[in-house]
């Protein structure tokens, strides 16, 4: 069992640099800089897109899990789901 995930120092510093750039862009957007407003809008749009994607993925996963559990209840164990009921 791995207690701590393995992150390299390069990934940690890169993530810190990206977070710093994002926060500078947001601060500059609040102060009224045109480029920063565009960058902040782009980042917000990306976050909204990723949130919608995650929500739809969750819904599809939930439906497929429910369908799989219903299919197990209908077909006896050990039988092919592709076999016809009437030969």
C-alpha atoms as a PDB file:
ATOM      1  CA  UNK A   1       0.000   0.000   0.000  1.00  0.00           C
ATOM      2  CA  UNK A   2       1.359   3.382  -0.974  1.00  0.00           C
ATOM      3  CA  UNK A   3       0.880   5.952   1.767  1.00  0.00           C
ATOM      4  CA  UNK A   4       1.905   8.966  -0.294  1.00  0.00           C
ATOM      5  CA  UNK A   5       1.410   9.163  -4.074  1.00  0.00           C
ATOM      6  CA  UNK A   6       4.563   9.615  -6.074  1.00  0.00           C
ATOM      7  CA  UNK A   7       4.796  13.153  -7.366  1.00  0.00           C
ATOM      8  CA  UNK A   8       8.044  14.439  -8.738  1.00  0.00           C
ATOM      9  CA  UNK A   9       9.326  17.834  -7.729  1.00  0.00           C
ATOM     10  CA  UNK A  10       9.028  18.919 -11.358  1.00  0.00           C
ATOM     11  CA  UNK A  11       5.245  18.261 -11.382  1.00  0.00           C
ATOM     12  CA  UNK A  12       4.735  20.033  -8.053  1.00  0.00           C
ATOM     13  CA  UNK A  13       6.680  23.110  -9.186  1.00  0.00           C
ATOM     14  CA  UNK A  14       4.906  23.125 -12.560  1.00  0.00           C
ATOM     15  CA  UNK A  15       1.497  22.984 -10.887  1.00  0.00           C
ATOM     16  CA  UNK A  16       2.503  25.772  -8.538  1.00  0.00           C
ATOM     17  CA  UNK A  17       3.641  27.914 -11.471  1.00  0.00           C
ATOM     18  CA  UNK A  18       0.362  27.321 -13.350  1.00  0.00           C
ATOM     19  CA  UNK A  19      -1.681  28.158 -10.256  1.00  0.00           C
ATOM     20  CA  UNK A  20       0.363  31.322  -9.788  1.00  0.00           C
ATOM     21  CA  UNK A  21      -0.232  32.381 -13.400  1.00  0.00           C
ATOM     22  CA  UNK A  22      -3.962  31.724 -13.041  1.00  0.00           C
ATOM     23  CA  UNK A  23      -4.163  33.816  -9.887  1.00  0.00           C
ATOM     24  CA  UNK A  24      -2.181  36.687 -11.467  1.00  0.00           C
ATOM     25  CA  UNK A  25      -4.575  36.621 -14.429  1.00  0.00           C
ATOM     26  CA  UNK A  26      -7.621  36.696 -12.138  1.00  0.00           C
ATOM     27  CA  UNK A  27      -6.165  39.557 -10.074  1.00  0.00           C
ATOM     28  CA  UNK A  28      -5.370  41.529 -13.230  1.00  0.00           C
ATOM     29  CA  UNK A  29      -8.889  40.874 -14.543  1.00  0.00           C
ATOM     30  CA  UNK A  30     -10.356  42.294 -11.348  1.00  0.00           C
ATOM     31  CA  UNK A  31      -8.202  45.376 -11.862  1.00  0.00           C
ATOM     32  CA  UNK A  32      -9.578  45.752 -15.418  1.00  0.00           C
ATOM     33  CA  UNK A  33      -6.862  44.422 -17.736  1.00  0.00           C
ATOM     34  CA  UNK A  34      -8.374  43.330 -21.065  1.00  0.00           C
ATOM     35  CA  UNK A  35      -6.070  40.355 -21.690  1.00  0.00           C
ATOM     36  CA  UNK A  36      -6.666  39.060 -18.179  1.00  0.00           C
ATOM     37  CA  UNK A  37     -10.445  39.257 -18.578  1.00  0.00           C
ATOM     38  CA  UNK A  38     -10.135  37.062 -21.675  1.00  0.00           C
ATOM     39  CA  UNK A  39      -7.817  34.567 -20.019  1.00  0.00           C
ATOM     40  CA  UNK A  40     -10.040  34.392 -16.935  1.00  0.00           C
ATOM     41  CA  UNK A  41     -13.136  33.875 -19.096  1.00  0.00           C
ATOM     42  CA  UNK A  42     -11.322  31.101 -20.954  1.00  0.00           C
ATOM     43  CA  UNK A  43     -10.302  29.394 -17.720  1.00  0.00           C
ATOM     44  CA  UNK A  44     -13.846  29.695 -16.360  1.00  0.00           C
ATOM     45  CA  UNK A  45     -15.234  28.246 -19.576  1.00  0.00           C
ATOM     46  CA  UNK A  46     -12.808  25.346 -19.388  1.00  0.00           C
ATOM     47  CA  UNK A  47     -13.796  24.655 -15.784  1.00  0.00           C
ATOM     48  CA  UNK A  48     -17.499  24.712 -16.686  1.00  0.00           C
ATOM     49  CA  UNK A  49     -16.855  22.352 -19.606  1.00  0.00           C
ATOM     50  CA  UNK A  50     -14.922  19.924 -17.399  1.00  0.00           C
ATOM     51  CA  UNK A  51     -17.640  20.039 -14.718  1.00  0.00           C
ATOM     52  CA  UNK A  52     -20.359  19.249 -17.292  1.00  0.00           C
ATOM     53  CA  UNK A  53     -18.219  16.435 -18.714  1.00  0.00           C
ATOM     54  CA  UNK A  54     -17.712  14.947 -15.236  1.00  0.00           C
ATOM     55  CA  UNK A  55     -21.440  15.196 -14.463  1.00  0.00           C
ATOM     56  CA  UNK A  56     -22.416  13.485 -17.730  1.00  0.00           C
ATOM     57  CA  UNK A  57     -19.789  10.791 -17.155  1.00  0.00           C
ATOM     58  CA  UNK A  58     -21.261  10.163 -13.707  1.00  0.00           C
ATOM     59  CA  UNK A  59     -24.798   9.900 -15.122  1.00  0.00           C
ATOM     60  CA  UNK A  60     -23.728   7.448 -17.844  1.00  0.00           C
ATOM     61  CA  UNK A  61     -21.778   5.402 -15.297  1.00  0.00           C
ATOM     62  CA  UNK A  62     -24.799   5.309 -12.988  1.00  0.00           C
ATOM     63  CA  UNK A  63     -27.162   4.202 -15.763  1.00  0.00           C
ATOM     64  CA  UNK A  64     -24.751   1.507 -16.975  1.00  0.00           C
ATOM     65  CA  UNK A  65     -24.302   0.207 -13.421  1.00  0.00           C
ATOM     66  CA  UNK A  66     -28.052   0.023 -12.908  1.00  0.00           C
ATOM     67  CA  UNK A  67     -28.576  -1.687 -16.272  1.00  0.00           C
ATOM     68  CA  UNK A  68     -25.828  -4.196 -15.490  1.00  0.00           C
ATOM     69  CA  UNK A  69     -27.359  -5.046 -12.120  1.00  0.00           C
ATOM     70  CA  UNK A  70     -30.819  -5.448 -13.692  1.00  0.00           C
ATOM     71  CA  UNK A  71     -29.382  -7.719 -16.398  1.00  0.00           C
ATOM     72  CA  UNK A  72     -27.755  -9.939 -13.758  1.00  0.00           C
ATOM     73  CA  UNK A  73     -31.075 -10.351 -11.992  1.00  0.00           C
ATOM     74  CA  UNK A  74     -32.873 -11.414 -15.178  1.00  0.00           C
ATOM     75  CA  UNK A  75     -30.352 -13.898 -16.585  1.00  0.00           C
ATOM     76  CA  UNK A  76     -29.296 -16.955 -14.569  1.00  0.00           C
ATOM     77  CA  UNK A  77     -25.616 -17.179 -13.707  1.00  0.00           C
ATOM     78  CA  UNK A  78     -23.468 -19.122 -16.147  1.00  0.00           C
ATOM     79  CA  UNK A  79     -25.688 -18.573 -19.178  1.00  0.00           C
ATOM     80  CA  UNK A  80     -24.665 -16.598 -22.194  1.00  0.00           C
ATOM     81  CA  UNK A  81     -26.603 -13.361 -22.568  1.00  0.00           C
ATOM     82  CA  UNK A  82     -26.436 -13.878 -26.347  1.00  0.00           C
ATOM     83  CA  UNK A  83     -28.151 -17.289 -26.306  1.00  0.00           C
ATOM     84  CA  UNK A  84     -31.725 -17.255 -27.534  1.00  0.00           C
ATOM     85  CA  UNK A  85     -34.477 -18.274 -25.143  1.00  0.00           C
ATOM     86  CA  UNK A  86     -36.247 -20.372 -27.783  1.00  0.00           C
ATOM     87  CA  UNK A  87     -33.964 -22.649 -29.815  1.00  0.00           C
END
